[in-house]
Amino acid sequence: MNSAFALFEIIIPRTSTPPFLHLTCIIFILALYLSLAYLTHATQGFYTYSFLDPNKGRGRVVAYVFGILAASIVIFLVVWCLVWVRKWLTEKILGKGETYRGRAAGDDGEALSETK
């Protein structure tokens, strides 16, 4: 269901592309998650994921960490591009960019009605 919700959030809503600053937040959260896995080993004595065990090869652990980093960057860029293409198709090609009129601060709704 998570994948379906994520795909829905990319295709359906009228959101803008995420700022690239979000990528640094994603990387920071992944680093915290990785450190939590090693904290679990330090306190409980086991690795939550066997591929994080440095006894099986430090090079493999480094490769996994950088592989996860690269995958997260690629996924962020793919999502960014999909949102950009959706906005381009709906707003530029189909001309639906001007049909949405949200309420701005201080707007009393007069822009939505033709009669006064």
Foldseek 3Di string as FASTA:
>chain_A
DVVVVVVCVLAPDLDAQDDPVVLVVVLVVVVVVVVVQVVCCVVVVDGPDPQCDCVVPVVSNVVVSVVVSVVSVVVSVVSSVSSVVNCCCVCPVVVNPPVDDDADVPRPCPVVDPDD
